[in-house]
Every structure is written in structure tokens, then in C-alpha cells.
């Protein structure tokens, strides 16, 4: 087993599979629940809300 992992091609392939599976599991966990997915969709605009408030304050200030 260690000899198989010692080969750079095999280690890279195994690492790719591990990271891909981890990524897929995270995506399924985040969007698997409709409640959690809806909350994340609401939060995606938060960075832009601060910019809009700054623009409004500059016009009135």
C-alpha cells in the first residue's frame, strides 16, 4: 500500500478524489436542506448592502 502511495501519480489521483468527494459532501450539506439553502441565498447580498448604505449617506451628507 505504501509503495502504491509513494508513486506521485497515484498520490495525486488519490488526493484529487479525496478533495472532490469532500467538496461534494460540503455542497450537499449546505444545499441539502431547503431552510439552510434559502438562508444562504438571502445572505449572498450582504456585502453589497453595505456599499448601498455608504452611497446613500454620501448623497445626504
PDB file of N, CA and C in Angstrom:
ATOM      1  N   UNK A   1       0.823  -1.196   0.000  1.00  0.00           N
ATOM      2  CA  UNK A   1       0.000   0.000   0.000  1.00  0.00           C
ATOM      3  C   UNK A   1       0.869   1.263   0.000  1.00  0.00           C
ATOM      4  N   UNK A   2       1.909   1.291   0.828  1.00  0.00           N
ATOM      5  CA  UNK A   2       2.778   2.461   0.878  1.00  0.00           C
ATOM      6  C   UNK A   2       3.540   2.646  -0.420  1.00  0.00           C
ATOM      7  N   UNK A   3       3.882   1.538  -1.074  1.00  0.00           N
ATOM      8  CA  UNK A   3       4.573   1.645  -2.356  1.00  0.00           C
ATOM      9  C   UNK A   3       3.650   2.274  -3.396  1.00  0.00           C
ATOM     10  N   UNK A   4       2.384   1.934  -3.331  1.00  0.00           N
ATOM     11  CA  UNK A   4       1.421   2.491  -4.283  1.00  0.00           C
ATOM     12  C   UNK A   4       1.276   3.995  -4.060  1.00  0.00           C
ATOM     13  N   UNK A   5       1.244   4.439  -2.801  1.00  0.00           N
ATOM     14  CA  UNK A   5       1.136   5.863  -2.495  1.00  0.00           C
ATOM     15  C   UNK A   5       2.437   6.620  -2.758  1.00  0.00           C
ATOM     16  N   UNK A   6       3.562   5.906  -2.738  1.00  0.00           N
ATOM     17  CA  UNK A   6       4.845   6.555  -2.973  1.00  0.00           C
ATOM     18  C   UNK A   6       4.962   7.045  -4.414  1.00  0.00           C
ATOM     19  N   UNK A   7       4.231   6.436  -5.312  1.00  0.00           N
ATOM     20  CA  UNK A   7       4.224   6.892  -6.704  1.00  0.00           C
ATOM     21  C   UNK A   7       3.452   8.208  -6.783  1.00  0.00           C
ATOM     22  N   UNK A   8       4.088   9.252  -7.344  1.00  0.00           N
ATOM     23  CA  UNK A   8       3.477  10.587  -7.371  1.00  0.00           C
ATOM     24  C   UNK A   8       2.156  10.590  -8.141  1.00  0.00           C
ATOM     25  N   UNK A   9       2.061   9.837  -9.203  1.00  0.00           N
ATOM     26  CA  UNK A   9       0.818   9.802  -9.983  1.00  0.00           C
ATOM     27  C   UNK A   9      -0.341   9.235  -9.185  1.00  0.00           C
ATOM     28  N   UNK A  10      -0.078   8.192  -8.421  1.00  0.00           N
ATOM     29  CA  UNK A  10      -1.134   7.590  -7.603  1.00  0.00           C
ATOM     30  C   UNK A  10      -1.538   8.499  -6.453  1.00  0.00           C
ATOM     31  N   UNK A  11      -0.555   9.142  -5.824  1.00  0.00           N
ATOM     32  CA  UNK A  11      -0.854  10.027  -4.695  1.00  0.00           C
ATOM     33  C   UNK A  11      -1.670  11.230  -5.156  1.00  0.00           C
ATOM     34  N   UNK A  12      -1.341  11.773  -6.322  1.00  0.00           N
ATOM     35  CA  UNK A  12      -2.095  12.911  -6.849  1.00  0.00           C
ATOM     36  C   UNK A  12      -3.528  12.512  -7.166  1.00  0.00           C
ATOM     37  N   UNK A  13      -3.693  11.338  -7.752  1.00  0.00           N
ATOM     38  CA  UNK A  13      -5.045  10.881  -8.080  1.00  0.00           C
ATOM     39  C   UNK A  13      -5.877  10.651  -6.826  1.00  0.00           C
ATOM     40  N   UNK A  14      -5.276  10.042  -5.822  1.00  0.00           N
ATOM     41  CA  UNK A  14      -5.985   9.797  -4.570  1.00  0.00           C
ATOM     42  C   UNK A  14      -6.334  11.115  -3.883  1.00  0.00           C
ATOM     43  N   UNK A  15      -5.400  12.063  -3.890  1.00  0.00           N
ATOM     44  CA  UNK A  15      -5.680  13.378  -3.300  1.00  0.00           C
ATOM     45  C   UNK A  15      -6.815  14.078  -4.018  1.00  0.00           C
ATOM     46  N   UNK A  16      -6.833  13.999  -5.340  1.00  0.00           N
ATOM     47  CA  UNK A  16      -7.907  14.611  -6.118  1.00  0.00           C
ATOM     48  C   UNK A  16      -9.256  13.998  -5.770  1.00  0.00           C
ATOM     49  N   UNK A  17      -9.304  12.700  -5.662  1.00  0.00           N
ATOM     50  CA  UNK A  17     -10.556  12.013  -5.319  1.00  0.00           C
ATOM     51  C   UNK A  17     -11.017  12.417  -3.921  1.00  0.00           C
ATOM     52  N   UNK A  18     -10.088  12.473  -2.968  1.00  0.00           N
ATOM     53  CA  UNK A  18     -10.451  12.841  -1.589  1.00  0.00           C
ATOM     54  C   UNK A  18     -11.001  14.264  -1.538  1.00  0.00           C
ATOM     55  N   UNK A  19     -10.328  15.210  -2.189  1.00  0.00           N
ATOM     56  CA  UNK A  19     -10.795  16.596  -2.156  1.00  0.00           C
ATOM     57  C   UNK A  19     -12.109  16.765  -2.913  1.00  0.00           C
ATOM     58  N   UNK A  20     -12.292  16.056  -4.021  1.00  0.00           N
ATOM     59  CA  UNK A  20     -13.534  16.156  -4.784  1.00  0.00           C
ATOM     60  C   UNK A  20     -14.709  15.615  -3.978  1.00  0.00           C
ATOM     61  N   UNK A  21     -14.515  14.475  -3.341  1.00  0.00           N
ATOM     62  CA  UNK A  21     -15.586  13.894  -2.520  1.00  0.00           C
ATOM     63  C   UNK A  21     -15.912  14.824  -1.354  1.00  0.00           C
ATOM     64  N   UNK A  22     -14.896  15.400  -0.725  1.00  0.00           N
ATOM     65  CA  UNK A  22     -15.119  16.338   0.370  1.00  0.00           C
ATOM     66  C   UNK A  22     -15.900  17.551  -0.114  1.00  0.00           C
ATOM     67  N   UNK A  23     -15.526  18.099  -1.265  1.00  0.00           N
ATOM     68  CA  UNK A  23     -16.230  19.243  -1.832  1.00  0.00           C
ATOM     69  C   UNK A  23     -17.691  18.905  -2.104  1.00  0.00           C
ATOM     70  N   UNK A  24     -17.942  17.754  -2.701  1.00  0.00           N
ATOM     71  CA  UNK A  24     -19.324  17.347  -2.987  1.00  0.00           C
ATOM     72  C   UNK A  24     -20.138  17.176  -1.715  1.00  0.00           C
ATOM     73  N   UNK A  25     -19.536  16.615  -0.681  1.00  0.00           N
ATOM     74  CA  UNK A  25     -20.245  16.444   0.589  1.00  0.00           C
ATOM     75  C   UNK A  25     -20.571  17.791   1.227  1.00  0.00           C
ATOM     76  N   UNK A  26     -19.664  18.748   1.140  1.00  0.00           N
ATOM     77  CA  UNK A  26     -19.932  20.079   1.688  1.00  0.00           C
ATOM     78  C   UNK A  26     -21.075  20.742   0.922  1.00  0.00           C
ATOM     79  N   UNK A  27     -21.063  20.643  -0.403  1.00  0.00           N
ATOM     80  CA  UNK A  27     -22.135  21.232  -1.210  1.00  0.00           C
ATOM     81  C   UNK A  27     -23.471  20.576  -0.876  1.00  0.00           C
ATOM     82  N   UNK A  28     -23.485  19.267  -0.746  1.00  0.00           N
ATOM     83  CA  UNK A  28     -24.729  18.573  -0.383  1.00  0.00           C
ATOM     84  C   UNK A  28     -25.202  18.978   1.008  1.00  0.00           C
ATOM     85  N   UNK A  29     -24.281  19.167   1.946  1.00  0.00           N
ATOM     86  CA  UNK A  29     -24.665  19.566   3.299  1.00  0.00           C
ATOM     87  C   UNK A  29     -25.250  20.973   3.289  1.00  0.00           C
ATOM     88  N   UNK A  30     -24.645  21.874   2.521  1.00  0.00           N
ATOM     89  CA  UNK A  30     -25.107  23.264   2.507  1.00  0.00           C
ATOM     90  C   UNK A  30     -26.460  23.379   1.821  1.00  0.00           C
ATOM     91  N   UNK A  31     -26.597  22.777   0.652  1.00  0.00           N
ATOM     92  CA  UNK A  31     -27.820  22.944  -0.123  1.00  0.00           C
ATOM     93  C   UNK A  31     -28.802  21.786   0.049  1.00  0.00           C
ATOM     94  N   UNK A  32     -28.474  20.812   0.900  1.00  0.00           N
ATOM     95  CA  UNK A  32     -29.357  19.675   1.112  1.00  0.00           C
ATOM     96  C   UNK A  32     -30.627  20.046   1.855  1.00  0.00           C
ATOM     97  N   UNK A  33     -30.533  20.993   2.746  1.00  0.00           N
ATOM     98  CA  UNK A  33     -31.686  21.455   3.497  1.00  0.00           C
ATOM     99  C   UNK A  33     -32.240  22.707   2.832  1.00  0.00           C
ATOM    100  N   UNK A  34     -33.530  22.701   2.520  1.00  0.00           N
ATOM    101  CA  UNK A  34     -34.135  23.873   1.871  1.00  0.00           C
ATOM    102  C   UNK A  34     -34.068  25.099   2.771  1.00  0.00           C
ATOM    103  N   UNK A  35     -34.207  24.885   4.064  1.00  0.00           N
ATOM    104  CA  UNK A  35     -34.162  26.005   5.003  1.00  0.00           C
ATOM    105  C   UNK A  35     -32.767  26.639   5.015  1.00  0.00           C
ATOM    106  N   UNK A  36     -31.731  25.801   5.077  1.00  0.00           N
ATOM    107  CA  UNK A  36     -30.367  26.304   5.082  1.00  0.00           C
ATOM    108  C   UNK A  36     -30.032  26.952   3.744  1.00  0.00           C
ATOM    109  N   UNK A  37     -30.469  26.350   2.646  1.00  0.00           N
ATOM    110  CA  UNK A  37     -30.215  26.907   1.325  1.00  0.00           C
ATOM    111  C   UNK A  37     -30.885  28.254   1.127  1.00  0.00           C
ATOM    112  N   UNK A  38     -32.106  28.399   1.611  1.00  0.00           N
ATOM    113  CA  UNK A  38     -32.816  29.678   1.495  1.00  0.00           C
ATOM    114  C   UNK A  38     -32.126  30.753   2.321  1.00  0.00           C
ATOM    115  N   UNK A  39     -31.640  30.383   3.504  1.00  0.00           N
ATOM    116  CA  UNK A  39     -30.936  31.345   4.345  1.00  0.00           C
ATOM    117  C   UNK A  39     -29.644  31.814   3.674  1.00  0.00           C
ATOM    118  N   UNK A  40     -28.926  30.895   3.054  1.00  0.00           N
ATOM    119  CA  UNK A  40     -27.695  31.270   2.361  1.00  0.00           C
ATOM    120  C   UNK A  40     -27.986  32.148   1.149  1.00  0.00           C
ATOM    121  N   UNK A  41     -29.082  31.893   0.464  1.00  0.00           N
ATOM    122  CA  UNK A  41     -29.449  32.734  -0.678  1.00  0.00           C
ATOM    123  C   UNK A  41     -29.751  34.158  -0.221  1.00  0.00           C
ATOM    124  N   UNK A  42     -30.338  34.319   0.958  1.00  0.00           N
ATOM    125  CA  UNK A  42     -30.608  35.653   1.489  1.00  0.00           C
ATOM    126  C   UNK A  42     -29.309  36.361   1.885  1.00  0.00           C
ATOM    127  N   UNK A  43     -28.347  35.599   2.386  1.00  0.00           N
ATOM    128  CA  UNK A  43     -27.107  36.187   2.870  1.00  0.00           C
ATOM    129  C   UNK A  43     -26.131  36.556   1.761  1.00  0.00           C
ATOM    130  N   UNK A  44     -26.358  36.098   0.547  1.00  0.00           N
ATOM    131  CA  UNK A  44     -25.371  36.336  -0.505  1.00  0.00           C
ATOM    132  C   UNK A  44     -25.281  37.802  -0.914  1.00  0.00           C
ATOM    133  N   UNK A  45     -26.282  38.610  -0.583  1.00  0.00           N
ATOM    134  CA  UNK A  45     -26.268  40.025  -0.958  1.00  0.00           C
ATOM    135  C   UNK A  45     -25.736  40.937   0.154  1.00  0.00           C
ATOM    136  N   UNK A  46     -25.327  40.386   1.275  1.00  0.00           N
ATOM    137  CA  UNK A  46     -24.877  41.190   2.408  1.00  0.00           C
ATOM    138  C   UNK A  46     -23.702  42.113   2.052  1.00  0.00           C
ATOM    139  N   UNK A  47     -22.691  41.657   1.319  1.00  0.00           N
ATOM    140  CA  UNK A  47     -21.584  42.588   1.013  1.00  0.00           C
ATOM    141  C   UNK A  47     -22.025  43.805   0.208  1.00  0.00           C
ATOM    142  N   UNK A  48     -23.036  43.669  -0.621  1.00  0.00           N
ATOM    143  CA  UNK A  48     -23.491  44.776  -1.447  1.00  0.00           C
ATOM    144  C   UNK A  48     -24.390  45.742  -0.679  1.00  0.00           C
ATOM    145  N   UNK A  49     -24.999  45.295   0.397  1.00  0.00           N
ATOM    146  CA  UNK A  49     -25.862  46.164   1.193  1.00  0.00           C
ATOM    147  C   UNK A  49     -25.058  47.268   1.868  1.00  0.00           C
ATOM    148  N   UNK A  50     -23.852  46.968   2.330  1.00  0.00           N
ATOM    149  CA  UNK A  50     -23.005  47.984   2.960  1.00  0.00           C
ATOM    150  C   UNK A  50     -22.632  49.067   1.966  1.00  0.00           C
ATOM    151  N   UNK A  51     -22.325  48.704   0.737  1.00  0.00           N
ATOM    152  CA  UNK A  51     -21.976  49.680  -0.292  1.00  0.00           C
ATOM    153  C   UNK A  51     -23.156  50.582  -0.610  1.00  0.00           C
ATOM    154  N   UNK A  52     -24.343  50.034  -0.657  1.00  0.00           N
ATOM    155  CA  UNK A  52     -25.534  50.824  -0.962  1.00  0.00           C
ATOM    156  C   UNK A  52     -25.807  51.826   0.162  1.00  0.00           C
ATOM    157  N   UNK A  53     -25.588  51.431   1.403  1.00  0.00           N
ATOM    158  CA  UNK A  53     -25.792  52.355   2.537  1.00  0.00           C
ATOM    159  C   UNK A  53     -24.779  53.483   2.506  1.00  0.00           C
ATOM    160  N   UNK A  54     -23.522  53.197   2.122  1.00  0.00           N
ATOM    161  CA  UNK A  54     -22.496  54.227   2.049  1.00  0.00           C
ATOM    162  C   UNK A  54     -22.837  55.256   0.967  1.00  0.00           C
ATOM    163  N   UNK A  55     -23.363  54.805  -0.143  1.00  0.00           N
ATOM    164  CA  UNK A  55     -23.713  55.712  -1.236  1.00  0.00           C
ATOM    165  C   UNK A  55     -24.848  56.620  -0.811  1.00  0.00           C
ATOM    166  N   UNK A  56     -25.843  56.077  -0.114  1.00  0.00           N
ATOM    167  CA  UNK A  56     -26.976  56.887   0.349  1.00  0.00           C
ATOM    168  C   UNK A  56     -26.511  57.954   1.343  1.00  0.00           C
ATOM    169  N   UNK A  57     -25.588  57.581   2.241  1.00  0.00           N
ATOM    170  CA  UNK A  57     -25.095  58.522   3.238  1.00  0.00           C
ATOM    171  C   UNK A  57     -24.279  59.629   2.584  1.00  0.00           C
ATOM    172  N   UNK A  58     -23.508  59.316   1.539  1.00  0.00           N
ATOM    173  CA  UNK A  58     -22.719  60.333   0.860  1.00  0.00           C
ATOM    174  C   UNK A  58     -23.596  61.360   0.148  1.00  0.00           C
ATOM    175  N   UNK A  59     -24.716  60.914  -0.406  1.00  0.00           N
ATOM    176  CA  UNK A  59     -25.604  61.832  -1.113  1.00  0.00           C
ATOM    177  C   UNK A  59     -26.306  62.781  -0.144  1.00  0.00           C
ATOM    178  N   UNK A  60     -26.652  62.257   1.047  1.00  0.00           N
ATOM    179  CA  UNK A  60     -27.381  63.078   2.012  1.00  0.00           C
ATOM    180  C   UNK A  60     -26.451  63.831   2.942  1.00  0.00           C
ATOM    181  N   UNK A  61     -25.183  63.450   3.007  1.00  0.00           N
ATOM    182  CA  UNK A  61     -24.275  64.042   3.986  1.00  0.00           C
ATOM    183  C   UNK A  61     -23.431  65.072   3.415  1.00  0.00           C
TER     184      UNK A  61
END
